[in-house]
Every structure is written in structure tokens, then in C-alpha cells.
């Protein structure tokens, strides 16, 4: 009976460790996706400004001309903030994901100027 309890306890510990690793990997994967989304938007802003006399695009403009199908959201479903022209990168845009917690201005935010 004790042996069965020990085996069950060991299996429980192993399952907890696996669940922890999967959860941690999921968060890291989403962070990487958010970084890629931000870099893609940065490139879109750059190309737009090259072809439009340095005029900054707006998300609304991109939605109207079908450049974007919907407002850009991060992997957690939160809207990305795009400020053009940006304060942090000359000639570019400041793009921010509020990160996993969904609250802007916290330490888990993913900010375009910190990716470089």
C-alpha cells in the first residue's frame, strides 16, 4: 500500500513538473510571436513612410485601404498600440504590446524600441 502511494506521489510530481514546463514554454512562445508582430508592423510603417513622403500611417487608414484585415492584436488578444511618429526611434513608430498581463505600463510590456 505504501509503495502504491509513493508511486502515485512520484507520478503527481512528474505531472506537475511537466505542466509547469508547458505553461512556461507557452508564455515564452507567445512573447516571441508578439515580438515578431511588432517587428512586422515596424517594417510596414517604414515601407509606408518611404512611399508616402514620410507620412505616418494610421491603423484606421490601413483598415480602410485593406492593408490590414483587422486591428493588430498580440497573442493574448490585446490591441497593439502604434504611435507614429515615435518618440524612441527616429523616423519610426513606437509599437507596444501590453504583454501577458494585458495592462499597459507594466514591466512585462513588449516595446518596439527595446527589441533592437
N, C-alpha and C. Protein backbone atom coordinates (compact mmCIF):
# COMPACT_ATOMS: atom_id res chain seq x y z
N UNK A 1 0.82 -1.18 0.00
CA UNK A 1 0.00 0.00 0.00
C UNK A 1 0.88 1.27 0.00
N UNK A 2 1.92 1.26 0.80
CA UNK A 2 2.83 2.40 0.85
C UNK A 2 3.52 2.58 -0.49
N UNK A 3 3.87 1.48 -1.12
CA UNK A 3 4.54 1.55 -2.42
C UNK A 3 3.63 2.19 -3.46
N UNK A 4 2.38 1.86 -3.45
CA UNK A 4 1.42 2.45 -4.39
C UNK A 4 1.30 3.95 -4.14
N UNK A 5 1.24 4.35 -2.89
CA UNK A 5 1.15 5.77 -2.55
C UNK A 5 2.40 6.52 -3.00
N UNK A 6 3.57 5.91 -2.82
CA UNK A 6 4.81 6.54 -3.27
C UNK A 6 4.83 6.70 -4.79
N UNK A 7 4.39 5.68 -5.51
CA UNK A 7 4.35 5.75 -6.97
C UNK A 7 3.39 6.84 -7.41
N UNK A 8 2.21 6.92 -6.78
CA UNK A 8 1.25 7.96 -7.14
C UNK A 8 1.80 9.36 -6.83
N UNK A 9 2.48 9.50 -5.71
CA UNK A 9 3.09 10.79 -5.37
C UNK A 9 4.15 11.16 -6.40
N UNK A 10 4.96 10.20 -6.80
CA UNK A 10 6.01 10.44 -7.80
C UNK A 10 5.39 10.83 -9.14
N UNK A 11 4.36 10.13 -9.54
CA UNK A 11 3.67 10.45 -10.80
C UNK A 11 3.08 11.87 -10.71
N UNK A 12 2.51 12.22 -9.58
CA UNK A 12 1.96 13.56 -9.38
C UNK A 12 3.03 14.64 -9.51
N UNK A 13 4.20 14.40 -8.93
CA UNK A 13 5.30 15.36 -9.04
C UNK A 13 5.77 15.51 -10.48
N UNK A 14 5.87 14.39 -11.17
CA UNK A 14 6.30 14.44 -12.57
C UNK A 14 5.28 15.21 -13.41
N UNK A 15 4.01 14.96 -13.20
CA UNK A 15 2.95 15.66 -13.95
C UNK A 15 2.98 17.16 -13.65
N UNK A 16 3.22 17.52 -12.40
CA UNK A 16 3.30 18.94 -12.03
C UNK A 16 4.48 19.60 -12.73
N UNK A 17 5.61 18.92 -12.79
CA UNK A 17 6.79 19.46 -13.46
C UNK A 17 6.52 19.63 -14.95
N UNK A 18 5.87 18.67 -15.57
CA UNK A 18 5.55 18.76 -17.00
C UNK A 18 4.58 19.92 -17.25
N UNK A 19 3.57 20.06 -16.43
CA UNK A 19 2.60 21.14 -16.58
C UNK A 19 3.28 22.50 -16.45
N UNK A 20 4.20 22.62 -15.50
CA UNK A 20 4.93 23.87 -15.31
C UNK A 20 5.74 24.20 -16.56
N UNK A 21 6.46 23.22 -17.10
CA UNK A 21 7.28 23.44 -18.29
C UNK A 21 6.43 23.82 -19.50
N UNK A 22 5.29 23.19 -19.66
CA UNK A 22 4.41 23.51 -20.78
C UNK A 22 3.89 24.93 -20.65
N UNK A 23 3.49 25.31 -19.46
CA UNK A 23 2.99 26.67 -19.24
C UNK A 23 4.07 27.70 -19.49
N UNK A 24 5.25 27.46 -18.98
CA UNK A 24 6.36 28.39 -19.17
C UNK A 24 6.71 28.51 -20.65
N UNK A 25 6.73 27.40 -21.35
CA UNK A 25 7.03 27.40 -22.78
C UNK A 25 5.97 28.13 -23.58
N UNK A 26 4.71 28.03 -23.17
CA UNK A 26 3.61 28.71 -23.84
C UNK A 26 3.78 30.23 -23.73
N UNK A 27 4.12 30.71 -22.56
CA UNK A 27 4.31 32.15 -22.36
C UNK A 27 5.48 32.64 -23.20
N UNK A 28 6.59 31.94 -23.18
CA UNK A 28 7.76 32.34 -23.96
C UNK A 28 7.45 32.33 -25.46
N UNK A 29 6.70 31.34 -25.90
CA UNK A 29 6.31 31.28 -27.31
C UNK A 29 5.45 32.47 -27.71
N UNK A 30 4.51 32.84 -26.86
CA UNK A 30 3.65 33.99 -27.14
C UNK A 30 4.45 35.29 -27.15
N UNK A 31 5.42 35.39 -26.27
CA UNK A 31 6.27 36.59 -26.25
C UNK A 31 7.03 36.70 -27.56
N UNK A 32 7.55 35.60 -28.06
CA UNK A 32 8.27 35.61 -29.33
C UNK A 32 7.35 36.01 -30.49
N UNK A 33 6.11 35.52 -30.47
CA UNK A 33 5.15 35.88 -31.52
C UNK A 33 4.84 37.38 -31.45
N UNK A 34 4.67 37.92 -30.25
CA UNK A 34 4.40 39.35 -30.10
C UNK A 34 5.57 40.17 -30.64
N UNK A 35 6.78 39.73 -30.37
CA UNK A 35 7.96 40.44 -30.90
C UNK A 35 7.97 40.43 -32.42
N UNK A 36 7.62 39.29 -33.02
CA UNK A 36 7.57 39.21 -34.48
C UNK A 36 6.48 40.12 -35.04
N UNK A 37 5.33 40.16 -34.38
CA UNK A 37 4.25 41.03 -34.83
C UNK A 37 4.68 42.50 -34.79
N UNK A 38 5.36 42.88 -33.73
CA UNK A 38 5.82 44.26 -33.59
C UNK A 38 6.84 44.57 -34.68
N UNK A 39 7.76 43.67 -34.94
CA UNK A 39 8.75 43.90 -36.00
C UNK A 39 8.08 44.01 -37.37
N UNK A 40 7.06 43.19 -37.62
CA UNK A 40 6.33 43.27 -38.89
C UNK A 40 5.65 44.63 -39.04
N UNK A 41 5.01 45.10 -37.97
CA UNK A 41 4.36 46.41 -38.02
C UNK A 41 5.39 47.53 -38.23
N UNK A 42 6.54 47.40 -37.59
CA UNK A 42 7.60 48.40 -37.79
C UNK A 42 7.99 48.46 -39.26
N UNK A 43 8.16 47.30 -39.88
CA UNK A 43 8.53 47.24 -41.30
C UNK A 43 7.43 47.84 -42.17
N UNK A 44 6.18 47.60 -41.82
CA UNK A 44 5.07 48.17 -42.58
C UNK A 44 5.06 49.70 -42.49
N UNK A 45 5.31 50.22 -41.30
CA UNK A 45 5.38 51.67 -41.12
C UNK A 45 6.52 52.24 -41.94
N UNK A 46 7.67 51.59 -41.90
CA UNK A 46 8.84 52.06 -42.65
C UNK A 46 8.53 52.11 -44.15
N UNK A 47 7.96 51.01 -44.69
CA UNK A 47 7.64 50.97 -46.12
C UNK A 47 6.61 52.04 -46.48
N UNK A 48 5.61 52.22 -45.63
CA UNK A 48 4.58 53.22 -45.89
C UNK A 48 5.20 54.62 -45.95
N UNK A 49 6.06 54.90 -45.01
CA UNK A 49 6.67 56.24 -44.95
C UNK A 49 7.59 56.47 -46.14
N UNK A 50 8.25 55.42 -46.62
CA UNK A 50 9.10 55.56 -47.81
C UNK A 50 8.28 55.94 -49.04
N UNK A 51 7.14 55.32 -49.18
CA UNK A 51 6.32 55.55 -50.37
C UNK A 51 5.34 56.70 -50.27
N UNK A 52 5.27 57.36 -49.12
CA UNK A 52 4.29 58.42 -48.92
C UNK A 52 4.88 59.68 -48.31
N UNK A 53 6.03 60.10 -48.80
CA UNK A 53 6.67 61.34 -48.35
C UNK A 53 6.78 61.46 -46.84
N UNK A 54 7.17 60.38 -46.20
CA UNK A 54 7.39 60.32 -44.75
C UNK A 54 6.11 60.49 -43.93
N UNK A 55 4.95 60.39 -44.57
CA UNK A 55 3.69 60.49 -43.84
C UNK A 55 3.50 59.24 -42.98
N UNK A 56 3.11 59.46 -41.74
CA UNK A 56 2.84 58.33 -40.85
C UNK A 56 1.47 57.73 -41.16
N UNK A 57 1.42 56.41 -41.23
CA UNK A 57 0.13 55.77 -41.44
C UNK A 57 -0.62 55.67 -40.11
N UNK A 58 -1.92 55.47 -40.22
CA UNK A 58 -2.71 55.18 -39.03
C UNK A 58 -3.32 53.79 -39.20
N UNK A 59 -3.63 53.16 -38.11
CA UNK A 59 -4.26 51.85 -38.17
C UNK A 59 -5.59 51.97 -38.90
N UNK A 60 -6.33 53.05 -38.63
CA UNK A 60 -7.62 53.26 -39.30
C UNK A 60 -7.44 53.35 -40.81
N UNK A 61 -6.42 54.06 -41.24
CA UNK A 61 -6.13 54.18 -42.68
C UNK A 61 -5.83 52.81 -43.28
N UNK A 62 -5.03 52.00 -42.59
CA UNK A 62 -4.69 50.67 -43.09
C UNK A 62 -5.91 49.76 -43.12
N UNK A 63 -6.83 49.95 -42.19
CA UNK A 63 -8.06 49.15 -42.21
C UNK A 63 -8.94 49.54 -43.39
N UNK A 64 -9.02 50.85 -43.66
CA UNK A 64 -9.85 51.33 -44.76
C UNK A 64 -9.31 50.91 -46.12
N UNK A 65 -7.98 50.95 -46.29
CA UNK A 65 -7.43 50.57 -47.60
C UNK A 65 -7.07 49.08 -47.68
N UNK A 66 -7.51 48.32 -46.69
CA UNK A 66 -7.37 46.86 -46.66
C UNK A 66 -5.91 46.38 -46.54
N UNK A 67 -5.01 47.26 -46.08
CA UNK A 67 -3.65 46.81 -45.78
C UNK A 67 -3.69 45.84 -44.61
N UNK A 68 -4.57 46.13 -43.64
CA UNK A 68 -4.82 45.23 -42.51
C UNK A 68 -6.27 44.77 -42.57
N UNK A 69 -6.49 43.51 -42.20
CA UNK A 69 -7.86 42.98 -42.17
C UNK A 69 -8.57 43.35 -40.87
N UNK A 70 -7.79 43.51 -39.80
CA UNK A 70 -8.37 43.86 -38.50
C UNK A 70 -7.30 44.58 -37.69
N UNK A 71 -7.73 45.17 -36.60
CA UNK A 71 -6.77 45.86 -35.73
C UNK A 71 -5.77 44.85 -35.20
N UNK A 72 -4.49 45.24 -35.18
CA UNK A 72 -3.46 44.28 -34.72
C UNK A 72 -3.57 43.99 -33.24
N UNK A 73 -3.59 42.69 -32.93
CA UNK A 73 -3.66 42.25 -31.54
C UNK A 73 -2.48 41.32 -31.25
N UNK A 74 -2.05 41.33 -30.00
CA UNK A 74 -0.97 40.44 -29.59
C UNK A 74 -1.51 39.03 -29.35
N UNK A 75 -0.65 38.07 -29.06
CA UNK A 75 -1.12 36.69 -28.87
C UNK A 75 -2.08 36.48 -27.71
N UNK A 76 -2.20 37.46 -26.83
CA UNK A 76 -3.13 37.37 -25.70
C UNK A 76 -4.47 38.04 -26.02
N UNK A 77 -4.59 38.58 -27.25
CA UNK A 77 -5.83 39.23 -27.68
C UNK A 77 -5.93 40.70 -27.35
N UNK A 78 -4.85 41.31 -26.90
CA UNK A 78 -4.85 42.74 -26.56
C UNK A 78 -4.41 43.55 -27.78
N UNK A 79 -5.02 44.72 -27.96
CA UNK A 79 -4.64 45.59 -29.07
C UNK A 79 -3.21 46.09 -28.91
N UNK A 80 -2.49 46.11 -30.04
CA UNK A 80 -1.16 46.71 -30.05
C UNK A 80 -1.34 48.23 -30.19
N UNK A 81 -0.54 48.98 -29.47
CA UNK A 81 -0.56 50.44 -29.55
C UNK A 81 0.51 50.87 -30.55
N UNK A 82 0.11 51.68 -31.52
CA UNK A 82 1.04 52.18 -32.54
C UNK A 82 1.02 53.70 -32.48
N UNK A 83 2.19 54.30 -32.19
CA UNK A 83 2.31 55.75 -32.17
C UNK A 83 3.33 56.14 -33.23
N UNK A 84 2.87 56.93 -34.21
CA UNK A 84 3.74 57.34 -35.30
C UNK A 84 3.53 58.83 -35.53
N UNK A 85 4.60 59.62 -35.55
CA UNK A 85 5.99 59.21 -35.35
C UNK A 85 6.25 58.86 -33.89
N UNK A 86 7.17 57.95 -33.71
CA UNK A 86 7.51 57.51 -32.37
C UNK A 86 8.45 58.45 -31.66
N UNK A 87 8.49 58.33 -30.37
CA UNK A 87 9.39 59.15 -29.55
C UNK A 87 10.75 58.48 -29.38
N UNK A 88 10.81 57.17 -29.54
CA UNK A 88 12.02 56.43 -29.21
C UNK A 88 12.91 56.09 -30.39
N UNK A 89 12.32 55.99 -31.58
CA UNK A 89 13.09 55.65 -32.78
C UNK A 89 12.83 56.71 -33.83
N UNK A 90 13.88 57.43 -34.19
CA UNK A 90 13.72 58.50 -35.16
C UNK A 90 13.26 57.93 -36.51
N UNK A 91 12.20 58.52 -37.05
CA UNK A 91 11.69 58.09 -38.34
C UNK A 91 10.85 56.83 -38.28
N UNK A 92 10.62 56.32 -37.11
CA UNK A 92 9.85 55.09 -36.97
C UNK A 92 8.62 55.28 -36.11
N UNK A 93 8.11 54.17 -35.63
CA UNK A 93 6.92 54.19 -34.79
C UNK A 93 7.22 53.49 -33.48
N UNK A 94 6.53 53.89 -32.44
CA UNK A 94 6.59 53.19 -31.16
C UNK A 94 5.41 52.22 -31.13
N UNK A 95 5.71 50.93 -31.01
CA UNK A 95 4.67 49.91 -31.01
C UNK A 95 4.80 49.13 -29.72
N UNK A 96 3.67 48.95 -29.02
CA UNK A 96 3.69 48.32 -27.70
C UNK A 96 2.59 47.27 -27.58
N UNK A 97 2.97 46.12 -27.05
CA UNK A 97 2.03 45.11 -26.60
C UNK A 97 1.99 45.19 -25.09
N UNK A 98 0.79 45.16 -24.48
CA UNK A 98 0.75 45.21 -23.02
C UNK A 98 1.24 43.92 -22.35
N UNK A 99 1.60 42.93 -23.15
CA UNK A 99 2.19 41.71 -22.61
C UNK A 99 1.16 40.77 -21.99
N UNK A 100 1.64 39.74 -21.32
CA UNK A 100 0.75 38.71 -20.78
C UNK A 100 -0.31 39.22 -19.80
N UNK A 101 0.02 40.25 -19.02
CA UNK A 101 -0.96 40.72 -18.03
C UNK A 101 -2.03 41.63 -18.64
N UNK A 102 -1.80 42.12 -19.86
CA UNK A 102 -2.79 42.95 -20.53
C UNK A 102 -2.90 44.37 -20.03
N UNK A 103 -2.02 44.77 -19.12
CA UNK A 103 -2.06 46.12 -18.56
C UNK A 103 -0.88 46.93 -19.10
N UNK A 104 -1.16 48.04 -19.80
CA UNK A 104 -0.07 48.87 -20.30
C UNK A 104 0.69 49.53 -19.16
N UNK A 105 1.96 49.75 -19.39
CA UNK A 105 2.79 50.44 -18.41
C UNK A 105 3.38 49.56 -17.33
N UNK A 106 3.32 48.24 -17.53
CA UNK A 106 3.91 47.33 -16.55
C UNK A 106 5.19 46.74 -17.12
N UNK A 107 5.94 46.04 -16.28
CA UNK A 107 7.26 45.57 -16.69
C UNK A 107 7.23 44.44 -17.72
N UNK A 108 6.07 43.82 -17.94
CA UNK A 108 6.02 42.76 -18.94
C UNK A 108 5.61 43.26 -20.33
N UNK A 109 5.47 44.59 -20.49
CA UNK A 109 5.15 45.14 -21.80
C UNK A 109 6.25 44.80 -22.80
N UNK A 110 5.86 44.62 -24.04
CA UNK A 110 6.82 44.35 -25.11
C UNK A 110 6.84 45.59 -25.99
N UNK A 111 7.96 46.31 -25.99
CA UNK A 111 8.06 47.60 -26.62
C UNK A 111 9.03 47.56 -27.80
N UNK A 112 8.64 48.14 -28.92
CA UNK A 112 9.44 48.05 -30.14
C UNK A 112 10.85 48.61 -29.96
N UNK A 113 11.01 49.69 -29.25
CA UNK A 113 12.33 50.29 -29.10
C UNK A 113 13.26 49.50 -28.20
N UNK A 114 12.73 48.55 -27.47
CA UNK A 114 13.58 47.69 -26.63
C UNK A 114 13.96 46.38 -27.32
N UNK A 115 13.41 46.14 -28.51
CA UNK A 115 13.70 44.90 -29.22
C UNK A 115 15.00 44.97 -29.99
N UNK A 116 15.50 46.15 -30.25
CA UNK A 116 16.68 46.29 -31.11
C UNK A 116 17.97 46.09 -30.41
